[in-house]
């Protein structure tokens, strides 16, 4: 084998991205090695790979993030290369360097590029020097609340504080006015330390209601860099993407060429190699600003694959083997429209709270133009230790409206029992006028309006699956079906029974859940299983209704647990770092 050649690859990841990489490895005739924690013994990726190795207990810090264990496993399995997927160690320059120092091939960008782009402040400096437009703000870390306030006086509010080593929406806090500065500064620093072991933060001007538009780039070791068009990832909650599409409804051919060139310039400026993504913000006036670079394959790479007709993981592998890019910029042809919906285990009616649990039934949609990237099967558990993604549903159509309707059809076919999911949410969103018109849908995602529609759609689906097979749900009635034949022709006779409105059913269910959680009494309970990141009150404190009691992290998301009434805090039972279970009492609040 040549210096860069390899015939067996260890994938240092789990879930759907591991399965997705294994599929390409199999097509290329390359051997695959999976790693798994004790929590993932029965996971789909473990059974799909050619070989699988246990690497530790469920917490990622004791398994998927243990560099030494991963390298030892690669050597033990005889793998000559490592693909990191996304998340975990995918953007960790120390891991990339350790892989190369161990004599293995790193299927990703050079450690120096990861290092440069991993520091958002250094990345902003490098992009500014390369002539790439950056969002107004600081290019050095901000060290105090006082310094933050001075920045606010200079560039104006609102501001966005961001973890310098951040990514994936973590460590970002909005400062609407000076009164918010101290809380936001402390929260962003805490998240930076917690997620990236780096408390440094910087500040940008918050651009109100922009589009989040990113550019997919490919670069080889021979100086070739191309872009594959843009993806629109504007639909988010808590800075986490939910729906992605390409092309963007707001980008025409001229703008595509301009922001594509920015992406290529940014990749060249950091000496990039492999697949990567330049993330940026597009204003209503057509200004485009560099935000950050993700030095890895993206969750949403799938939509680009469908319109470009390329396998991006295959391109990564060939680039890592020393091959030049398989096409030039002039040969790139983007056809049709693709949309991806992230099917997460989350409860929209409860503020997108994670809902870990066993998947008791699972049936994927299929048919023309439908793709599902999944890491679960019936009987698998969506663990509270990892992120809440169950699957990615991707569709391709001849144009945006065709893709939108195809996605609604596919969502209707997707059947998951066990954890609550975002299927109902996506149905409601893609049916909303703002999405149909291709707008940003600013403020809609976490609105009560969409939550009610999603809950109603979810209730309809769940009630339908719980009824006898000869019973259908139609509108606001339960319809029992009888099949008869007349002159050899089959007819379905529906007998309609009145049923309360679905919104009323959703409201009643919500009230039952509230009552069961103890929210109506003195107790404040954890709405999910997780770990207490911080406690904001002390025994004897007087609190207002809605005041934050503590922050619980679950499935990589921070969730504020708030007081349900005004009163005095008593029987405080948790402390920072403590694990809590769903429904576990955090404290009591005695009313005034």
Protein backbone atom coordinates (compact mmCIF):
# COMPACT_ATOMS: atom_id res chain seq x y z
CA UNK A 1 0.00 0.00 0.00
CA UNK A 2 1.11 3.58 -0.64
CA UNK A 3 1.66 5.96 2.25
CA UNK A 4 -1.99 7.07 2.28
CA UNK A 5 -3.62 3.79 1.24
CA UNK A 6 -5.72 1.84 3.73
CA UNK A 7 -8.16 -1.05 3.68
CA UNK A 8 -9.76 -0.88 7.13
CA UNK A 9 -11.24 2.16 8.91
CA UNK A 10 -12.23 2.69 12.53
CA UNK A 11 -15.17 5.06 12.92
CA UNK A 12 -14.79 6.93 16.21
CA UNK A 13 -18.50 7.63 16.58
CA UNK A 14 -21.91 6.07 17.08
CA UNK A 15 -25.50 6.14 15.86
CA UNK A 16 -26.68 7.17 12.42
CA UNK A 17 -23.45 8.85 11.31
CA UNK A 18 -21.46 5.70 12.07
CA UNK A 19 -23.91 3.57 10.05
CA UNK A 20 -23.83 6.11 7.22
CA UNK A 21 -20.00 5.96 7.04
CA UNK A 22 -19.97 2.15 7.25
CA UNK A 23 -22.24 1.99 4.19
CA UNK A 24 -19.78 3.96 2.08
CA UNK A 25 -16.85 1.90 3.37
CA UNK A 26 -18.69 -1.25 2.30
CA UNK A 27 -19.31 0.18 -1.18
CA UNK A 28 -15.60 0.96 -1.48
CA UNK A 29 -14.64 -2.55 -0.39
CA UNK A 30 -13.01 -1.28 2.81
CA UNK A 31 -13.25 -2.99 6.19
CA UNK A 32 -15.12 -1.21 9.00
CA UNK A 33 -14.52 -1.14 12.74
CA UNK A 34 -17.13 0.09 15.21
CA UNK A 35 -16.61 1.19 18.78
CA UNK A 36 -19.34 1.21 21.39
CA UNK A 37 -20.02 2.06 25.01
CA UNK A 38 -21.83 -0.23 27.43
CA UNK A 39 -25.02 1.76 26.73
CA UNK A 40 -24.72 1.00 23.00
CA UNK A 41 -24.27 -2.78 23.14
CA UNK A 42 -27.46 -3.34 21.13
CA UNK A 43 -27.12 -0.29 18.88
CA UNK A 44 -27.55 -0.51 15.12
CA UNK A 45 -24.02 0.67 14.28
CA UNK A 46 -22.50 -2.11 16.38
CA UNK A 47 -24.12 -4.86 14.33
CA UNK A 48 -23.57 -3.20 10.95
CA UNK A 49 -19.77 -2.94 11.11
CA UNK A 50 -17.43 -5.80 10.19
CA UNK A 51 -15.90 -5.68 13.67
CA UNK A 52 -17.00 -4.03 16.92
CA UNK A 53 -15.14 -3.24 20.13
CA UNK A 54 -16.34 -2.19 23.59
CA UNK A 55 -14.51 0.95 24.74
CA UNK A 56 -16.02 1.85 28.12
CA UNK A 57 -18.98 2.94 30.27
CA UNK A 58 -21.89 5.07 28.93
CA UNK A 59 -20.57 8.59 29.70
CA UNK A 60 -18.81 9.87 26.59
CA UNK A 61 -15.87 11.07 28.69
CA UNK A 62 -15.25 7.43 29.63
CA UNK A 63 -15.72 5.94 26.17
CA UNK A 64 -16.19 7.93 22.93
CA UNK A 65 -13.91 10.76 24.11
CA UNK A 66 -11.02 8.61 25.34
CA UNK A 67 -8.30 9.20 22.77
CA UNK A 68 -5.87 6.59 24.13
CA UNK A 69 -8.56 3.88 24.16
CA UNK A 70 -9.64 4.71 20.59
CA UNK A 71 -6.07 4.52 19.30
CA UNK A 72 -5.41 1.25 21.14
CA UNK A 73 -8.60 -0.17 19.62
CA UNK A 74 -7.57 0.89 16.12
CA UNK A 75 -4.21 -0.83 16.55
CA UNK A 76 -5.85 -3.93 18.02
CA UNK A 77 -8.30 -4.15 15.09
CA UNK A 78 -5.61 -3.56 12.48
CA UNK A 79 -7.31 -0.41 11.18
CA UNK A 80 -5.04 1.93 9.24
CA UNK A 81 -7.35 4.97 9.24
CA UNK A 82 -9.83 6.76 11.51
CA UNK A 83 -12.98 8.64 10.52
CA UNK A 84 -14.40 10.80 13.35
CA UNK A 85 -17.92 11.44 11.97
CA UNK A 86 -19.33 14.57 13.62
CA UNK A 87 -19.55 15.52 17.28
CA UNK A 88 -17.40 13.90 19.97
CA UNK A 89 -13.74 14.24 18.79
CA UNK A 90 -14.45 15.23 15.18
CA UNK A 91 -13.08 18.76 15.61
CA UNK A 92 -10.43 17.93 18.19
CA UNK A 93 -6.98 18.82 16.84
CA UNK A 94 -5.28 16.85 19.63
CA UNK A 95 -7.08 13.67 18.52
CA UNK A 96 -6.32 14.29 14.84
CA UNK A 97 -2.65 14.83 15.64
CA UNK A 98 -2.54 11.73 17.87
CA UNK A 99 -4.04 9.63 15.07
CA UNK A 100 -1.36 10.77 12.65
CA UNK A 101 1.43 10.34 15.20
CA UNK A 102 0.24 6.76 15.72
CA UNK A 103 0.92 6.13 12.03
CA UNK A 104 -2.76 6.10 11.07
CA UNK A 105 -4.51 8.11 8.35
CA UNK A 106 -6.84 10.83 9.63
CA UNK A 107 -9.91 11.11 7.38
CA UNK A 108 -10.41 14.82 7.87
CA UNK A 109 -8.64 18.18 7.65
CA UNK A 110 -5.09 18.87 8.87
CA UNK A 111 -4.83 19.34 12.65
CA UNK A 112 -3.54 22.88 12.03
CA UNK A 113 -6.77 23.81 10.20
CA UNK A 114 -8.90 22.27 12.96
CA UNK A 115 -6.89 24.20 15.53
CA UNK A 116 -7.22 27.51 13.70
CA UNK A 117 -10.94 27.20 13.01
CA UNK A 118 -11.61 25.69 16.45
CA UNK A 119 -10.69 29.01 18.01
CA UNK A 120 -13.47 31.28 16.83
CA UNK A 121 -11.46 34.39 17.69
CA UNK A 122 -8.38 33.22 15.74
CA UNK A 123 -10.64 32.16 12.87
CA UNK A 124 -12.21 35.63 12.74
CA UNK A 125 -8.73 37.19 12.67
CA UNK A 126 -7.60 34.88 9.86
CA UNK A 127 -10.73 35.46 7.80
CA UNK A 128 -10.51 39.21 8.25
CA UNK A 129 -6.88 39.10 7.07
CA UNK A 130 -7.94 37.03 4.03
CA UNK A 131 -10.57 39.59 3.07
CA UNK A 132 -13.51 37.40 4.07
CA UNK A 133 -16.35 39.54 5.57
CA UNK A 134 -16.93 38.84 9.28
CA UNK A 135 -19.77 39.87 11.61
CA UNK A 136 -18.95 43.11 13.49
CA UNK A 137 -17.59 42.39 16.97
CA UNK A 138 -14.40 41.41 18.77
CA UNK A 139 -11.57 39.34 17.38
CA UNK A 140 -10.06 38.78 20.84
CA UNK A 141 -11.66 37.15 23.90
CA UNK A 142 -13.70 39.39 26.17
CA UNK A 143 -12.45 39.03 29.75
CA UNK A 144 -15.03 40.78 31.92
CA UNK A 145 -18.58 42.08 32.12
CA UNK A 146 -17.19 45.63 32.06
CA UNK A 147 -15.40 44.94 28.78
CA UNK A 148 -18.58 43.41 27.39
CA UNK A 149 -20.52 46.57 28.30
CA UNK A 150 -17.91 48.73 26.53
CA UNK A 151 -18.35 46.63 23.37
CA UNK A 152 -22.10 47.17 23.64
CA UNK A 153 -21.60 50.92 23.83
CA UNK A 154 -19.43 50.82 20.70
CA UNK A 155 -21.40 48.57 18.33
CA UNK A 156 -24.83 48.72 19.97
CA UNK A 157 -27.30 46.09 21.20
CA UNK A 158 -28.39 43.34 20.89
CA UNK A 159 -25.16 41.37 21.22
CA UNK A 160 -24.34 37.69 20.97
CA UNK A 161 -21.77 36.21 23.35
CA UNK A 162 -20.12 33.07 21.95
CA UNK A 163 -17.72 30.51 23.39
CA UNK A 164 -14.33 30.98 21.67
CA UNK A 165 -13.90 27.22 21.30
CA UNK A 166 -17.60 26.64 20.64
CA UNK A 167 -19.69 25.03 17.97
CA UNK A 168 -22.98 23.22 17.53
CA UNK A 169 -24.90 26.08 19.10
CA UNK A 170 -23.28 25.62 22.51
CA UNK A 171 -22.04 28.53 24.59
CA UNK A 172 -24.15 31.21 22.90
CA UNK A 173 -26.07 33.84 24.87
CA UNK A 174 -28.03 36.89 23.72
CA UNK A 175 -27.59 40.26 25.44
CA UNK A 176 -30.61 42.43 24.63
CA UNK A 177 -29.58 45.25 26.96
CA UNK A 178 -26.89 46.06 29.59
CA UNK A 179 -29.03 44.47 32.33
CA UNK A 180 -28.56 41.06 30.67
CA UNK A 181 -24.77 41.30 30.43
CA UNK A 182 -23.68 39.64 33.69
CA UNK A 183 -26.03 36.63 33.43
CA UNK A 184 -25.24 36.02 29.77
CA UNK A 185 -21.49 36.42 30.27
CA UNK A 186 -21.39 33.92 33.14
CA UNK A 187 -23.62 31.41 31.32
CA UNK A 188 -21.59 31.48 28.09
CA UNK A 189 -18.32 31.08 30.04
CA UNK A 190 -19.75 28.17 32.03
CA UNK A 191 -20.94 26.42 28.87
CA UNK A 192 -17.60 27.03 27.16
CA UNK A 193 -15.81 25.37 30.08
CA UNK A 194 -18.34 22.55 30.31
CA UNK A 195 -18.51 21.66 26.60
CA UNK A 196 -15.10 22.69 25.28
CA UNK A 197 -12.85 22.97 28.37
CA UNK A 198 -12.31 26.64 27.49
CA UNK A 199 -14.22 29.46 29.25
CA UNK A 200 -13.09 32.20 26.84
CA UNK A 201 -15.84 34.08 25.00
CA UNK A 202 -16.04 36.74 22.31
CA UNK A 203 -18.81 39.10 21.20
CA UNK A 204 -20.60 39.71 17.92
CA UNK A 205 -23.34 42.09 16.90
CA UNK A 206 -26.56 40.08 16.92
CA UNK A 207 -28.05 40.25 13.44
CA UNK A 208 -31.83 40.15 13.87
CA UNK A 209 -33.77 37.65 11.77
CA UNK A 210 -30.96 36.62 9.42
CA UNK A 211 -30.81 33.48 7.36
CA UNK A 212 -28.28 30.89 8.46
CA UNK A 213 -26.68 29.99 5.13
CA UNK A 214 -23.66 27.71 4.90
CA UNK A 215 -21.43 26.61 2.03
CA UNK A 216 -20.18 23.06 1.52
CA UNK A 217 -16.55 22.92 0.40
CA UNK A 218 -14.25 20.12 -0.72
CA UNK A 219 -10.46 20.47 -0.80
CA UNK A 220 -7.77 17.96 -1.72
CA UNK A 221 -4.04 17.77 -1.04
CA UNK A 222 -3.23 19.05 -4.56
CA UNK A 223 -4.46 22.63 -4.14
CA UNK A 224 -7.95 22.09 -5.55
CA UNK A 225 -10.87 23.66 -3.67
CA UNK A 226 -14.50 23.71 -4.81
CA UNK A 227 -17.88 24.51 -3.32
CA UNK A 228 -21.11 22.56 -3.77
CA UNK A 229 -23.62 25.34 -3.27
CA UNK A 230 -25.33 26.51 -0.11
CA UNK A 231 -27.59 25.04 2.53
CA UNK A 232 -30.23 27.05 4.39
CA UNK A 233 -30.31 26.08 8.08
CA UNK A 234 -32.38 28.97 9.40
CA UNK A 235 -35.03 26.85 11.17
CA UNK A 236 -33.49 26.33 14.62
CA UNK A 237 -34.34 26.18 18.30
CA UNK A 238 -31.79 27.07 20.99
CA UNK A 239 -29.25 27.58 18.18
CA UNK A 240 -29.71 23.92 17.19
CA UNK A 241 -30.74 23.17 13.61
CA UNK A 242 -34.04 21.38 12.97
CA UNK A 243 -34.68 21.69 9.22
CA UNK A 244 -32.13 22.18 6.46
CA UNK A 245 -32.60 22.64 2.73
CA UNK A 246 -30.75 23.35 -0.47
CA UNK A 247 -30.86 25.55 -2.40
CA UNK A 248 -31.77 28.41 -0.08
CA UNK A 249 -35.07 30.13 -0.98
CA UNK A 250 -33.24 33.46 -0.67
CA UNK A 251 -30.19 32.75 -2.83
CA UNK A 252 -30.06 33.26 -6.59
CA UNK A 253 -27.30 32.20 -8.99
CA UNK A 254 -25.32 35.44 -8.60
CA UNK A 255 -25.41 35.34 -4.79
CA UNK A 256 -24.59 31.61 -4.83
CA UNK A 257 -21.44 32.31 -6.82
CA UNK A 258 -20.46 35.12 -4.42
CA UNK A 259 -20.91 33.20 -1.18
CA UNK A 260 -19.41 30.10 -2.80
CA UNK A 261 -16.30 32.13 -3.56
CA UNK A 262 -16.21 33.28 0.07
CA UNK A 263 -16.32 29.64 1.15
CA UNK A 264 -13.46 28.71 -1.17
CA UNK A 265 -11.38 31.69 -0.01
CA UNK A 266 -11.98 30.75 3.64
CA UNK A 267 -10.92 27.13 3.02
CA UNK A 268 -7.76 28.22 1.22
CA UNK A 269 -6.93 30.69 4.00
CA UNK A 270 -6.64 27.91 6.58
CA UNK A 271 -4.89 25.34 4.37
CA UNK A 272 -7.94 23.09 4.35
CA UNK A 273 -8.25 19.52 3.11
CA UNK A 274 -11.32 17.19 3.13
CA UNK A 275 -15.00 18.16 3.39
CA UNK A 276 -15.86 21.22 5.44
CA UNK A 277 -18.54 23.85 5.89
CA UNK A 278 -18.31 27.63 5.99
CA UNK A 279 -21.20 28.89 8.11
CA UNK A 280 -22.48 32.39 7.58
CA UNK A 281 -25.35 34.79 8.08
CA UNK A 282 -27.31 36.32 5.22
CA UNK A 283 -29.12 39.57 5.97
CA UNK A 284 -32.37 40.69 4.40
CA UNK A 285 -30.29 43.21 2.40
CA UNK A 286 -28.15 40.46 0.85
CA UNK A 287 -25.04 41.00 2.98
CA UNK A 288 -23.20 37.76 3.79
CA UNK A 289 -20.89 37.40 6.81
CA UNK A 290 -18.54 34.58 7.75
CA UNK A 291 -19.54 33.12 11.13
CA UNK A 292 -17.40 30.00 11.63
CA UNK A 293 -16.04 26.92 9.90
CA UNK A 294 -17.06 23.39 10.82
CA UNK A 295 -14.01 21.25 10.12
CA UNK A 296 -15.94 17.99 9.68
CA UNK A 297 -18.81 16.39 7.83
CA UNK A 298 -22.11 18.07 8.80
CA UNK A 299 -25.34 16.48 10.01
CA UNK A 300 -27.03 18.10 7.01
CA UNK A 301 -24.49 17.01 4.39
CA UNK A 302 -27.23 14.73 3.06
CA UNK A 303 -29.19 17.46 1.27
CA UNK A 304 -26.10 18.54 -0.62
CA UNK A 305 -25.46 14.92 -1.63
CA UNK A 306 -28.93 14.63 -3.14
CA UNK A 307 -28.74 17.78 -5.27
CA UNK A 308 -25.06 17.37 -6.23
CA UNK A 309 -25.22 13.62 -6.90
CA UNK A 310 -22.11 13.03 -4.77
CA UNK A 311 -21.26 10.87 -1.74
CA UNK A 312 -19.38 13.33 0.47
CA UNK A 313 -18.02 10.62 2.77
CA UNK A 314 -16.63 8.83 -0.30
CA UNK A 315 -14.98 12.10 -1.33
CA UNK A 316 -13.47 12.43 2.17
CA UNK A 317 -12.04 8.92 1.99
CA UNK A 318 -10.57 9.40 -1.49
CA UNK A 319 -9.03 12.73 -0.48
CA UNK A 320 -7.49 11.06 2.60
CA UNK A 321 -6.00 8.41 0.28
CA UNK A 322 -4.27 11.18 -1.65
CA UNK A 323 -6.59 11.29 -4.65
CA UNK A 324 -7.36 14.61 -6.38
CA UNK A 325 -10.96 15.87 -6.37
CA UNK A 326 -13.18 13.89 -8.71
CA UNK A 327 -14.61 17.03 -10.34
CA UNK A 328 -13.87 20.70 -10.99
CA UNK A 329 -16.02 23.67 -10.05
CA UNK A 330 -17.26 23.89 -13.64
CA UNK A 331 -18.40 20.27 -13.50
CA UNK A 332 -20.53 20.77 -10.38
CA UNK A 333 -24.23 20.48 -11.29
CA UNK A 334 -26.90 21.06 -8.67
CA UNK A 335 -30.29 19.57 -9.55
CA UNK A 336 -33.64 19.92 -7.82
CA UNK A 337 -34.35 20.69 -4.17
CA UNK A 338 -33.67 18.70 -1.00
CA UNK A 339 -35.00 19.08 2.56
CA UNK A 340 -33.85 17.36 5.76
CA UNK A 341 -35.89 17.08 8.97
CA UNK A 342 -34.16 15.99 12.14
CA UNK A 343 -36.30 13.42 13.93
CA UNK A 344 -35.28 13.97 17.54
CA UNK A 345 -36.62 12.42 20.74
CA UNK A 346 -38.06 15.68 22.08
CA UNK A 347 -41.39 16.88 23.44
CA UNK A 348 -42.41 20.09 21.66
CA UNK A 349 -45.29 20.69 24.08
CA UNK A 350 -42.77 20.87 26.93
CA UNK A 351 -40.31 23.25 25.33
CA UNK A 352 -38.43 20.63 23.28
CA UNK A 353 -37.43 18.67 26.38
CA UNK A 354 -35.47 15.50 25.55
CA UNK A 355 -37.49 12.30 25.90
CA UNK A 356 -35.07 9.38 26.20
CA UNK A 357 -36.53 5.87 26.26
CA UNK A 358 -37.01 2.61 24.42
CA UNK A 359 -38.26 2.71 20.83
CA UNK A 360 -41.10 0.18 21.04
CA UNK A 361 -42.16 0.41 17.38
CA UNK A 362 -40.31 1.82 14.38
CA UNK A 363 -41.25 1.98 10.69
CA UNK A 364 -39.44 4.20 8.18
CA UNK A 365 -40.98 5.87 5.13
CA UNK A 366 -39.81 4.97 1.66
CA UNK A 367 -40.69 5.55 -1.98
CA UNK A 368 -39.35 7.91 -4.66
CA UNK A 369 -36.93 10.59 -3.47
CA UNK A 370 -36.99 9.54 0.20
CA UNK A 371 -33.88 8.78 2.26
CA UNK A 372 -33.64 7.93 5.96
CA UNK A 373 -30.32 8.00 7.85
CA UNK A 374 -31.06 6.24 11.12
CA UNK A 375 -29.20 4.75 14.03
CA UNK A 376 -32.06 2.90 15.73
CA UNK A 377 -34.44 0.00 15.28
CA UNK A 378 -37.42 -1.21 17.29
CA UNK A 379 -36.23 -2.29 20.72
CA UNK A 380 -33.27 0.13 20.83
CA UNK A 381 -33.04 2.74 23.56
CA UNK A 382 -32.56 6.43 22.89
CA UNK A 383 -30.13 7.06 25.72
CA UNK A 384 -30.25 10.18 27.85
CA UNK A 385 -26.45 10.15 27.86
CA UNK A 386 -26.13 11.19 24.19
CA UNK A 387 -27.87 13.58 21.79
CA UNK A 388 -31.61 13.06 21.12
CA UNK A 389 -31.42 12.31 17.39
CA UNK A 390 -33.31 9.20 16.29
CA UNK A 391 -33.03 9.65 12.54
CA UNK A 392 -32.66 12.14 9.70
CA UNK A 393 -35.41 12.19 7.09
CA UNK A 394 -34.31 13.60 3.75
CA UNK A 395 -36.27 14.06 0.54
CA UNK A 396 -35.39 15.23 -2.97
CA UNK A 397 -37.81 16.84 -5.43
CA UNK A 398 -37.73 18.65 -8.73
CA UNK A 399 -38.32 21.96 -6.95
CA UNK A 400 -38.98 23.26 -3.42
CA UNK A 401 -42.76 22.76 -3.44
CA UNK A 402 -42.37 19.22 -4.75
CA UNK A 403 -39.82 18.48 -2.01
CA UNK A 404 -42.07 20.06 0.66
CA UNK A 405 -45.05 17.91 -0.32
CA UNK A 406 -42.86 14.83 -0.55
CA UNK A 407 -41.55 15.52 2.96
CA UNK A 408 -45.09 15.79 4.33
CA UNK A 409 -45.93 12.47 2.70
CA UNK A 410 -42.83 10.85 4.18
CA UNK A 411 -43.49 12.30 7.65
CA UNK A 412 -46.97 10.79 7.48
CA UNK A 413 -45.43 7.37 6.82
CA UNK A 414 -42.83 7.64 9.61
CA UNK A 415 -44.06 5.69 12.63
CA UNK A 416 -42.21 5.77 15.96
CA UNK A 417 -43.56 4.64 19.32
CA UNK A 418 -41.89 5.08 22.68
CA UNK A 419 -40.20 8.48 23.00
CA UNK A 420 -42.09 11.58 21.89
CA UNK A 421 -40.59 12.86 18.64
CA UNK A 422 -40.54 15.92 16.38
CA UNK A 423 -42.63 14.29 13.64
CA UNK A 424 -45.74 16.28 14.57
CA UNK A 425 -43.68 19.47 14.82
CA UNK A 426 -42.26 19.02 11.32
CA UNK A 427 -45.72 18.36 9.89
CA UNK A 428 -47.02 21.57 11.45
CA UNK A 429 -43.99 23.62 10.36
CA UNK A 430 -43.92 22.45 6.74
CA UNK A 431 -47.67 23.12 6.46
CA UNK A 432 -47.35 26.68 7.79
CA UNK A 433 -47.67 29.61 5.40
CA UNK A 434 -44.31 31.10 6.41
CA UNK A 435 -42.45 27.93 5.44
CA UNK A 436 -44.46 27.53 2.25
CA UNK A 437 -43.48 31.09 1.28
CA UNK A 438 -39.80 30.37 2.05
CA UNK A 439 -39.55 32.90 4.88
CA UNK A 440 -37.28 32.69 7.95
CA UNK A 441 -40.24 31.81 10.22
CA UNK A 442 -38.64 34.01 12.89
CA UNK A 443 -40.29 33.44 16.28
CA UNK A 444 -42.53 30.64 15.05
CA UNK A 445 -40.50 27.55 16.00
CA UNK A 446 -40.89 27.91 19.76
CA UNK A 447 -44.28 29.62 19.63
CA UNK A 448 -47.40 28.33 21.38
CA UNK A 449 -49.16 28.33 18.01
CA UNK A 450 -46.83 25.77 16.46
CA UNK A 451 -46.58 23.74 19.69
CA UNK A 452 -50.38 23.41 19.78
CA UNK A 453 -50.53 22.34 16.13
CA UNK A 454 -47.69 19.85 16.65
CA UNK A 455 -49.36 18.43 19.77
CA UNK A 456 -52.65 18.04 17.92
CA UNK A 457 -50.97 16.21 15.05
CA UNK A 458 -49.03 14.02 17.46
CA UNK A 459 -52.20 13.22 19.43
CA UNK A 460 -53.98 12.24 16.23
CA UNK A 461 -51.17 9.90 15.23
CA UNK A 462 -50.85 8.31 18.70
CA UNK A 463 -54.58 7.85 19.14
CA UNK A 464 -54.81 6.32 15.67
CA UNK A 465 -52.19 3.69 16.47
CA UNK A 466 -53.92 2.77 19.75
CA UNK A 467 -57.34 2.06 18.17
CA UNK A 468 -58.46 -1.24 16.62
CA UNK A 469 -57.32 -1.85 13.06
CA UNK A 470 -60.80 -1.21 11.68
CA UNK A 471 -60.88 2.29 13.21
CA UNK A 472 -59.66 5.50 11.56
CA UNK A 473 -59.25 9.07 12.75
CA UNK A 474 -60.61 11.71 10.42
CA UNK A 475 -60.79 15.37 11.43
CA UNK A 476 -62.44 15.60 14.85
CA UNK A 477 -64.28 12.26 14.85
CA UNK A 478 -63.45 8.62 15.35
CA UNK A 479 -64.56 6.62 12.33
CA UNK A 480 -65.15 2.87 12.49
CA UNK A 481 -64.69 1.19 9.13
CA UNK A 482 -66.77 -1.62 7.69
CA UNK A 483 -65.83 -3.14 4.33
CA UNK A 484 -68.62 -4.34 2.01
CA UNK A 485 -68.80 -5.47 -1.59
CA UNK A 486 -71.51 -4.39 -4.06
CA UNK A 487 -71.50 -5.91 -7.56
CA UNK A 488 -67.90 -7.02 -7.07
CA UNK A 489 -66.68 -3.55 -6.11
CA UNK A 490 -65.14 -2.90 -2.72
CA UNK A 491 -66.53 -0.08 -0.57
CA UNK A 492 -65.51 1.22 2.83
CA UNK A 493 -68.41 2.36 5.01
CA UNK A 494 -67.42 4.75 7.76
CA UNK A 495 -69.49 5.14 10.91
CA UNK A 496 -68.54 8.40 12.60
CA UNK A 497 -68.57 8.80 16.40
CA UNK A 498 -68.24 12.29 17.93
CA UNK A 499 -64.92 12.97 19.61
CA UNK A 500 -63.73 16.05 21.56
CA UNK A 501 -61.58 18.55 19.58
CA UNK A 502 -57.93 17.54 19.38
CA UNK A 503 -56.75 20.75 20.94
CA UNK A 504 -58.96 19.99 23.94
CA UNK A 505 -57.45 16.50 24.13
CA UNK A 506 -53.94 17.97 23.97
CA UNK A 507 -54.86 20.50 26.69
CA UNK A 508 -56.25 17.80 28.96
CA UNK A 509 -53.18 15.65 28.44
CA UNK A 510 -50.95 18.60 29.30
CA UNK A 511 -52.94 19.23 32.49
CA UNK A 512 -52.61 15.58 33.50
CA UNK A 513 -48.86 15.72 32.98
CA UNK A 514 -48.60 18.91 35.01
CA UNK A 515 -50.62 17.43 37.83
CA UNK A 516 -48.59 14.22 37.79
CA UNK A 517 -45.33 16.15 37.97
CA UNK A 518 -46.36 17.86 41.16
CA UNK A 519 -46.21 21.33 39.59
CA UNK A 520 -49.47 22.27 41.26
CA UNK A 521 -48.13 21.59 44.78
CA UNK A 522 -45.06 22.68 46.69
CA UNK A 523 -42.56 20.44 44.89
CA UNK A 524 -40.33 21.54 42.04
CA UNK A 525 -39.31 18.42 40.10
CA UNK A 526 -36.86 17.72 37.31
CA UNK A 527 -38.72 17.44 33.99
CA UNK A 528 -36.04 15.12 32.59
CA UNK A 529 -33.20 12.79 33.44
CA UNK A 530 -29.87 14.59 33.42
CA UNK A 531 -27.12 16.27 35.40
CA UNK A 532 -27.43 19.44 37.48
CA UNK A 533 -25.09 22.02 35.91
CA UNK A 534 -25.77 24.80 38.38
CA UNK A 535 -28.08 25.72 41.25
CA UNK A 536 -29.30 29.33 41.29
CA UNK A 537 -30.97 29.43 44.72
CA UNK A 538 -30.24 28.54 48.31
CA UNK A 539 -32.35 27.23 51.15
CA UNK A 540 -34.53 30.03 52.50
CA UNK A 541 -34.37 32.22 49.39
CA UNK A 542 -37.55 34.03 48.40
CA UNK A 543 -38.27 33.52 44.70
CA UNK A 544 -40.74 34.81 42.15
CA UNK A 545 -42.85 32.66 39.86
CA UNK A 546 -40.77 31.75 36.81
CA UNK A 547 -37.42 32.34 38.52
CA UNK A 548 -34.65 29.87 37.60
CA UNK A 549 -34.05 27.29 40.34
CA UNK A 550 -31.38 25.22 38.61
CA UNK A 551 -30.11 24.15 35.19
CA UNK A 552 -30.24 20.49 34.19
CA UNK A 553 -28.28 19.20 31.22
CA UNK A 554 -29.86 16.34 29.31
CA UNK A 555 -28.88 14.92 25.93
CA UNK A 556 -26.44 17.80 25.27
CA UNK A 557 -29.06 20.49 26.01
CA UNK A 558 -29.33 22.85 28.96
CA UNK A 559 -32.81 23.13 30.47
CA UNK A 560 -33.83 25.75 32.99
CA UNK A 561 -35.99 24.46 35.83
CA UNK A 562 -38.12 27.36 37.07
CA UNK A 563 -40.26 28.08 40.07
CA UNK A 564 -43.94 27.37 39.42
CA UNK A 565 -45.03 29.80 42.13
CA UNK A 566 -43.73 32.62 44.30
CA UNK A 567 -42.56 31.67 47.78
CA UNK A 568 -39.70 30.46 49.94
CA UNK A 569 -37.27 27.73 48.88
CA UNK A 570 -37.19 24.82 51.33
CA UNK A 571 -35.81 21.27 51.28
CA UNK A 572 -33.26 21.96 48.53
CA UNK A 573 -32.12 18.46 47.59
CA UNK A 574 -29.70 18.92 44.66
CA UNK A 575 -26.23 20.32 44.09
CA UNK A 576 -24.03 21.01 41.08
CA UNK A 577 -22.81 17.86 39.34
CA UNK A 578 -25.53 15.64 40.78
CA UNK A 579 -27.49 13.31 38.46
CA UNK A 580 -31.27 13.60 38.64
CA UNK A 581 -34.09 11.41 37.33
CA UNK A 582 -37.31 12.51 35.62
CA UNK A 583 -39.75 13.56 38.34
CA UNK A 584 -37.10 13.74 41.06
CA UNK A 585 -37.81 16.48 43.61
CA UNK A 586 -35.36 19.38 43.41
CA UNK A 587 -36.83 21.53 46.18
CA UNK A 588 -40.09 22.73 47.64
CA UNK A 589 -41.50 26.23 47.43
CA UNK A 590 -43.78 27.24 50.27
CA UNK A 591 -46.27 29.86 49.14
CA UNK A 592 -46.39 33.26 50.79
